[in-house]
Amino acid sequence: MKKILVTGIAGFIGYSLTKRFANSQYEIVGIDNINDYYDVELKYARLKDLGLELDNEENSIVISSKYSNISFCKLDITNEDILDNLFTKYDFQYVIHLAAQAGVRYSFKYPETYIQSNIIGTFNIFELSKKHSIKHVIYASSSSVYGDNNAKILSTDMCCEAPKNIYAVSKKTNELMAYSYSSLYNMKLTGLRFFTVYGPWGRPDMAPMLFADAITSHKAIKLFNNGDMYRDFTYIDDIVDGISLVLENKSKTNYNIFNIGNSSPVNIKDFVSIIENEFCKKAIIEYLPMQQGEVKETYADISDMEDSFGFSPKVDIKEGVSKFISWYKKYYEVSKCVE
């Protein structure tokens, strides 16, 4: 059985990927520090859904009660010594590195957190992957690295030298480190630039959850740039499909960057309308100027993923939002139509 380390397993993408790999050919060891950037109860609920009941003890291994191939260790990726012990114990072949301090706006208040988690933490992952001869490291990058690019469609062959926030800086730094490690040590490293991921078990700080919360609590939805914003919303199952395709990439090229998006941007006002329909209720809208550090539009060129792996997003925005809201109503115990 092939062994994979998944960092950030209690996060949205980490949980969803691990769920997909349950009862598969892979043995998954997940790690997460379960920080309180957003509601830790949601993180614990994701872990519980994987059969991981935690005693909250640092650095101890918990084996899933549901899936024999999944286990968990509460561990911070900035703790290099303990991380090294884990690499030694399990002799991983693959690493899927998803752990990171997320959020653009949070980076304005706490930039040092991004340096520690996203840069120092990723350095530890790359360094230990070199030391332990990992076959393939996949790491999460972001569409944020493009900054406010004037190009309509964002392609991986574009120059990304003007990030607009520290979060984007940290992700671009990860890509530069990966290039260096790949070149110097003949390591296989693949960066995936995710575009606005949404779906069941999603992050509370992202637009879909914020909008759903606002409608159900009868509060205003804040639309920046007066609603003239577009996002390449990508359903979580399509993201997991993409990661799965890349995992055992047999390409002889050691350093790769791919976009994973839906390649079909949605106007943010139209996105709100779809959510309104799901709740049978009109939203209260507050129009605001463009916020510092934000970009007007994201639109992924996924031709490299299509050509290399036959990747094709399957879930359109209406189906994806419907599945997300269905989960939201069940998880938060919200009635079918909001009064």
Protein backbone atom coordinates (compact mmCIF):
# COMPACT_ATOMS: atom_id res chain seq x y z
CA MET A 1 0.00 0.00 0.00
CA LYS A 2 1.41 3.39 -1.03
CA LYS A 3 1.86 5.81 1.84
CA ILE A 4 0.88 9.48 1.58
CA LEU A 5 1.34 12.31 4.03
CA VAL A 6 -1.52 14.81 3.74
CA THR A 7 -0.87 18.08 5.54
CA GLY A 8 -3.90 20.18 6.52
CA ILE A 9 -6.21 17.17 6.73
CA ALA A 10 -8.73 19.04 8.91
CA GLY A 11 -8.99 21.76 6.27
CA PHE A 12 -11.58 21.89 3.49
CA ILE A 13 -9.48 20.42 0.66
CA GLY A 14 -7.42 18.12 2.89
CA TYR A 15 -10.54 16.54 4.38
CA SER A 16 -12.26 16.19 1.00
CA LEU A 17 -9.22 14.57 -0.62
CA THR A 18 -8.77 12.14 2.28
CA LYS A 19 -12.46 11.21 2.13
CA ARG A 20 -12.00 10.37 -1.54
CA PHE A 21 -8.99 8.17 -0.72
CA ALA A 22 -10.81 6.26 2.05
CA ASN A 23 -10.63 2.49 1.46
CA SER A 24 -8.28 3.05 -1.48
CA GLN A 25 -4.85 1.77 -2.47
CA TYR A 26 -3.27 4.52 -0.35
CA GLU A 27 -2.41 4.62 3.32
CA ILE A 28 -3.08 8.18 4.45
CA VAL A 29 -1.45 9.83 7.43
CA GLY A 30 -2.92 13.28 7.94
CA ILE A 31 -1.55 16.09 10.06
CA ASP A 32 -3.03 19.41 11.14
CA ASN A 33 -2.41 21.91 13.93
CA ILE A 34 -6.16 22.73 14.06
CA ASN A 35 -5.58 26.45 14.53
CA ASP A 36 -8.45 28.81 15.34
CA TYR A 37 -8.34 30.98 12.20
CA TYR A 38 -11.93 29.83 11.77
CA ASP A 39 -14.35 27.68 13.79
CA VAL A 40 -12.41 24.68 15.08
CA GLU A 41 -15.67 22.79 15.60
CA LEU A 42 -16.02 22.53 11.82
CA LYS A 43 -12.48 21.13 11.62
CA TYR A 44 -13.23 18.58 14.33
CA ALA A 45 -16.47 17.68 12.56
CA ARG A 46 -14.57 16.97 9.35
CA LEU A 47 -12.15 14.74 11.25
CA LYS A 48 -15.04 12.99 12.98
CA ASP A 49 -16.58 12.28 9.59
CA LEU A 50 -13.30 10.53 8.73
CA GLY A 51 -13.62 8.43 11.88
CA LEU A 52 -10.95 10.40 13.70
CA GLU A 53 -12.04 11.04 17.28
CA LEU A 54 -9.36 13.17 18.93
CA ASP A 55 -8.12 13.33 22.50
CA ASN A 56 -6.39 16.63 21.58
CA GLU A 57 -2.98 15.31 22.59
CA GLU A 58 -0.16 16.78 20.52
CA ASN A 59 1.92 14.45 18.33
CA SER A 60 -0.04 11.26 19.13
CA ILE A 61 -1.35 9.01 16.36
CA VAL A 62 -5.12 8.43 16.09
CA ILE A 63 -6.38 5.64 13.83
CA SER A 64 -9.72 6.06 12.07
CA SER A 65 -12.60 3.99 13.42
CA LYS A 66 -14.20 3.99 9.94
CA TYR A 67 -11.33 3.57 7.50
CA SER A 68 -8.39 1.27 8.14
CA ASN A 69 -6.12 3.23 5.78
CA ILE A 70 -6.50 6.65 7.51
CA SER A 71 -4.76 7.96 10.61
CA PHE A 72 -4.08 11.38 12.10
CA CYS A 73 -1.49 13.25 14.13
CA LYS A 74 -2.05 16.70 15.59
CA LEU A 75 1.13 18.42 14.51
CA ASP A 76 2.30 21.83 13.32
CA ILE A 77 4.45 21.85 10.18
CA THR A 78 6.72 24.45 11.76
CA ASN A 79 7.84 21.74 14.23
CA GLU A 80 10.59 20.24 12.08
CA ASP A 81 11.91 17.70 14.61
CA ILE A 82 8.54 16.04 15.28
CA LEU A 83 7.73 16.17 11.57
CA ASP A 84 11.03 14.43 10.81
CA ASN A 85 10.12 11.64 13.24
CA LEU A 86 6.83 11.14 11.39
CA PHE A 87 8.59 10.90 8.02
CA THR A 88 10.98 8.33 9.48
CA LYS A 89 8.23 6.26 11.11
CA TYR A 90 5.97 5.95 8.06
CA ASP A 91 8.43 6.03 5.15
CA PHE A 92 6.07 8.00 2.89
CA GLN A 93 6.31 7.79 -0.90
CA TYR A 94 4.17 10.88 -1.54
CA VAL A 95 3.37 14.18 0.16
CA ILE A 96 0.29 16.29 -0.54
CA HIS A 97 0.99 19.57 1.20
CA LEU A 98 -2.23 21.53 1.77
CA ALA A 99 -1.56 23.01 5.23
CA ALA A 100 -1.33 26.80 5.17
CA GLN A 101 -2.52 29.95 6.80
CA ALA A 102 -5.37 30.91 4.48
CA GLY A 103 -7.14 34.18 3.78
CA VAL A 104 -6.22 37.39 2.00
CA ARG A 105 -7.77 39.89 4.42
CA TYR A 106 -6.36 38.17 7.50
CA SER A 107 -2.87 38.69 6.06
CA PHE A 108 -3.17 42.46 6.49
CA LYS A 109 -3.48 42.07 10.26
CA TYR A 110 -1.21 39.09 10.90
CA PRO A 111 1.44 38.89 8.16
CA GLU A 112 3.91 37.11 10.43
CA THR A 113 1.55 34.10 10.58
CA TYR A 114 1.90 33.64 6.82
CA ILE A 115 5.69 33.78 6.99
CA GLN A 116 5.76 31.10 9.69
CA SER A 117 3.09 28.72 8.40
CA ASN A 118 3.32 29.16 4.64
CA ILE A 119 7.02 29.81 4.15
CA ILE A 120 8.86 28.24 7.09
CA GLY A 121 6.35 25.37 7.26
CA THR A 122 6.63 24.66 3.54
CA PHE A 123 10.41 24.87 3.72
CA ASN A 124 10.28 22.12 6.37
CA ILE A 125 8.09 19.96 4.14
CA PHE A 126 10.41 20.38 1.15
CA GLU A 127 13.56 19.84 3.21
CA LEU A 128 12.25 16.66 4.82
CA SER A 129 10.94 15.42 1.48
CA LYS A 130 14.47 15.78 0.15
CA LYS A 131 15.96 14.03 3.18
CA HIS A 132 13.51 11.11 2.98
CA SER A 133 13.57 10.74 -0.84
CA ILE A 134 9.86 11.40 -1.41
CA LYS A 135 8.82 10.38 -4.95
CA HIS A 136 6.45 13.28 -5.56
CA VAL A 137 5.43 16.37 -3.58
CA ILE A 138 2.20 18.14 -4.53
CA TYR A 139 1.71 21.49 -2.83
CA ALA A 140 -1.11 24.02 -2.80
CA SER A 141 -0.55 27.33 -4.48
CA SER A 142 -3.25 29.87 -5.32
CA SER A 143 -4.70 32.02 -8.07
CA SER A 144 -3.73 34.93 -5.79
CA VAL A 145 -0.17 34.75 -7.17
CA TYR A 146 -1.39 36.38 -10.40
CA GLY A 147 -2.19 39.63 -8.62
CA ASP A 148 -4.38 42.10 -10.50
CA ASN A 149 -3.26 40.84 -13.90
CA ASN A 150 -4.67 42.66 -16.92
CA ALA A 151 -4.98 39.44 -18.91
CA LYS A 152 -8.52 38.12 -19.19
CA ILE A 153 -7.48 34.49 -18.82
CA LEU A 154 -4.77 33.59 -16.31
CA SER A 155 -2.17 31.16 -17.60
CA THR A 156 0.73 29.48 -15.81
CA ASP A 157 3.21 30.85 -18.37
CA MET A 158 2.44 34.42 -17.24
CA CYS A 159 4.83 36.44 -15.13
CA CYS A 160 3.67 36.67 -11.50
CA GLU A 161 5.88 39.34 -10.00
CA ALA A 162 3.27 41.68 -8.52
CA PRO A 163 1.39 39.89 -5.71
CA LYS A 164 -1.08 42.20 -3.98
CA ASN A 165 -0.95 40.75 -0.45
CA ILE A 166 1.26 38.73 1.89
CA TYR A 167 -0.82 35.60 1.37
CA ALA A 168 -0.01 35.74 -2.35
CA VAL A 169 3.63 36.51 -1.55
CA SER A 170 3.83 33.38 0.61
CA LYS A 171 2.35 31.19 -2.12
CA LYS A 172 4.66 32.59 -4.80
CA THR A 173 7.58 31.99 -2.43
CA ASN A 174 6.50 28.33 -2.18
CA GLU A 175 6.68 28.05 -5.96
CA LEU A 176 10.15 29.59 -6.06
CA MET A 177 11.38 27.26 -3.32
CA ALA A 178 9.93 24.30 -5.20
CA TYR A 179 11.78 25.30 -8.35
CA SER A 180 15.05 25.53 -6.42
CA TYR A 181 14.61 22.15 -4.71
CA SER A 182 13.61 20.53 -7.98
CA SER A 183 16.64 21.92 -9.81
CA LEU A 184 19.20 21.32 -7.07
CA TYR A 185 18.12 17.92 -5.82
CA ASN A 186 16.27 16.32 -8.76
CA MET A 187 13.02 16.30 -6.78
CA LYS A 188 9.55 16.00 -8.32
CA LEU A 189 7.42 18.90 -7.10
CA THR A 190 4.08 20.02 -8.51
CA GLY A 191 2.30 23.23 -7.53
CA LEU A 192 -1.46 23.56 -7.99
CA ARG A 193 -2.96 27.03 -8.25
CA PHE A 194 -6.49 26.62 -6.90
CA PHE A 195 -9.26 28.97 -8.03
CA THR A 196 -11.99 29.83 -5.46
CA VAL A 197 -12.83 26.38 -4.16
CA TYR A 198 -16.32 25.85 -2.72
CA GLY A 199 -18.68 23.04 -1.76
CA PRO A 200 -19.85 20.98 1.24
CA TRP A 201 -17.66 21.34 4.34
CA GLY A 202 -16.27 24.58 2.90
CA ARG A 203 -14.43 27.34 4.73
CA PRO A 204 -16.55 29.83 6.73
CA ASP A 205 -14.41 32.77 5.56
CA MET A 206 -15.15 32.17 1.87
CA ALA A 207 -17.92 33.90 -0.08
CA PRO A 208 -20.36 30.95 -0.36
CA MET A 209 -20.46 30.42 3.40
CA LEU A 210 -20.47 34.14 4.19
CA PHE A 211 -23.37 34.72 1.81
CA ALA A 212 -25.35 31.76 3.16
CA ASP A 213 -24.75 32.93 6.73
CA ALA A 214 -25.90 36.46 5.87
CA ILE A 215 -29.13 35.31 4.24
CA THR A 216 -30.06 32.91 7.05
CA SER A 217 -29.30 35.50 9.74
CA HIS A 218 -31.05 38.35 7.85
CA LYS A 219 -27.84 40.39 7.55
CA ALA A 220 -26.39 42.28 4.60
CA ILE A 221 -24.12 40.63 2.05
CA LYS A 222 -21.16 42.89 1.34
CA LEU A 223 -20.33 43.11 -2.35
CA PHE A 224 -17.06 44.88 -3.07
CA ASN A 225 -16.34 46.94 -6.20
CA ASN A 226 -20.13 47.50 -6.23
CA GLY A 227 -20.60 43.86 -7.20
CA ASP A 228 -18.49 44.13 -10.35
CA MET A 229 -16.38 41.10 -9.45
CA TYR A 230 -15.91 37.73 -11.13
CA ARG A 231 -14.63 34.52 -9.60
CA ASP A 232 -13.76 31.20 -11.21
CA PHE A 233 -15.70 29.20 -8.62
CA THR A 234 -14.46 25.58 -8.63
CA TYR A 235 -16.43 22.78 -6.99
CA ILE A 236 -14.50 20.71 -4.46
CA ASP A 237 -15.02 17.38 -6.31
CA ASP A 238 -13.34 18.84 -9.39
CA ILE A 239 -10.40 19.99 -7.26
CA VAL A 240 -10.04 16.51 -5.76
CA ASP A 241 -10.24 14.98 -9.24
CA GLY A 242 -7.39 17.24 -10.33
CA ILE A 243 -5.17 16.36 -7.38
CA SER A 244 -5.82 12.65 -7.93
CA LEU A 245 -4.83 12.91 -11.59
CA VAL A 246 -1.61 14.73 -10.75
CA LEU A 247 -0.57 12.48 -7.86
CA GLU A 248 1.06 9.71 -9.83
CA ASN A 249 2.06 11.82 -12.79
CA LYS A 250 4.59 9.79 -14.75
CA SER A 251 6.03 12.85 -16.51
CA LYS A 252 9.81 13.09 -16.46
CA THR A 253 9.56 16.83 -15.84
CA ASN A 254 10.36 17.42 -12.19
CA TYR A 255 8.97 20.94 -11.73
CA ASN A 256 5.39 21.68 -12.73
CA ILE A 257 2.75 24.33 -12.05
CA PHE A 258 -0.90 23.82 -13.00
CA ASN A 259 -4.07 25.86 -12.66
CA ILE A 260 -7.07 24.00 -11.29
CA GLY A 261 -10.22 25.99 -11.88
CA ASN A 262 -13.61 25.74 -13.52
CA SER A 263 -12.52 28.02 -16.37
CA SER A 264 -15.91 29.70 -16.31
CA PRO A 265 -15.99 32.89 -14.18
CA VAL A 266 -19.24 33.90 -12.52
CA ASN A 267 -20.31 37.44 -11.70
CA ILE A 268 -20.58 37.73 -7.94
CA LYS A 269 -24.12 39.18 -8.19
CA ASP A 270 -25.22 36.17 -10.24
CA PHE A 271 -23.65 33.91 -7.61
CA VAL A 272 -25.74 35.62 -4.92
CA SER A 273 -28.87 35.10 -7.02
CA ILE A 274 -28.24 31.36 -7.21
CA ILE A 275 -27.89 31.19 -3.42
CA GLU A 276 -31.06 33.29 -3.01
CA ASN A 277 -32.97 30.75 -5.09
CA GLU A 278 -31.73 27.89 -2.92
CA PHE A 279 -32.98 29.64 0.22
CA CYS A 280 -36.19 31.03 -1.37
CA LYS A 281 -35.22 34.43 0.02
CA LYS A 282 -33.80 37.70 -1.33
CA ALA A 283 -30.57 38.86 0.19
CA ILE A 284 -29.91 42.27 1.71
CA ILE A 285 -27.08 43.75 -0.38
CA GLU A 286 -24.53 46.35 0.73
CA TYR A 287 -22.43 47.66 -2.16
CA LEU A 288 -18.92 48.76 -1.24
CA PRO A 289 -15.77 50.01 -3.01
CA MET A 290 -13.00 47.61 -4.00
CA GLN A 291 -11.18 46.35 -0.94
CA GLN A 292 -7.42 46.60 -0.56
CA GLY A 293 -5.58 43.52 -1.80
CA GLU A 294 -8.53 42.12 -3.81
CA VAL A 295 -8.59 41.49 -7.56
CA LYS A 296 -11.53 42.10 -9.88
CA GLU A 297 -11.55 38.82 -11.77
CA THR A 298 -10.07 35.33 -11.73
CA TYR A 299 -10.30 33.10 -14.80
CA ALA A 300 -8.20 29.95 -15.04
CA ASP A 301 -6.54 28.72 -18.21
CA ILE A 302 -6.62 24.96 -17.52
CA SER A 303 -5.32 23.85 -20.92
CA ASP A 304 -2.16 22.36 -19.36
CA MET A 305 -4.26 20.18 -17.05
CA GLU A 306 -6.49 19.20 -19.96
CA ASP A 307 -3.55 18.29 -22.21
CA SER A 308 -1.51 16.50 -19.53
CA PHE A 309 -4.24 14.58 -17.68
CA GLY A 310 -7.51 14.95 -19.55
CA PHE A 311 -8.79 17.07 -16.68
CA SER A 312 -12.24 18.55 -17.25
CA PRO A 313 -14.42 20.17 -14.54
CA LYS A 314 -17.75 18.38 -14.31
CA VAL A 315 -19.82 20.46 -11.86
CA ASP A 316 -21.40 23.70 -13.07
CA ILE A 317 -22.18 26.56 -10.73
CA LYS A 318 -25.90 25.85 -10.21
CA GLU A 319 -25.33 22.18 -9.41
CA GLY A 320 -22.37 23.01 -7.16
CA VAL A 321 -24.22 25.68 -5.19
CA SER A 322 -27.24 23.40 -4.82
CA LYS A 323 -25.04 20.66 -3.32
CA PHE A 324 -23.29 23.16 -1.06
CA ILE A 325 -26.55 24.67 0.26
CA SER A 326 -28.04 21.21 0.77
CA TRP A 327 -25.08 20.35 3.00
CA TYR A 328 -25.26 23.77 4.71
CA LYS A 329 -28.92 23.30 5.65
CA LYS A 330 -28.24 19.86 7.09
CA TYR A 331 -25.06 20.78 8.98
CA TYR A 332 -26.42 24.03 10.43
CA GLU A 333 -29.98 22.72 10.80
CA VAL A 334 -31.55 25.36 8.60
CA SER A 335 -35.05 24.93 7.18
CA LYS A 336 -35.53 24.34 3.46
CA CYS A 337 -36.70 27.90 2.82
CA VAL A 338 -35.60 30.73 5.09
CA GLU A 339 -38.41 32.84 6.51
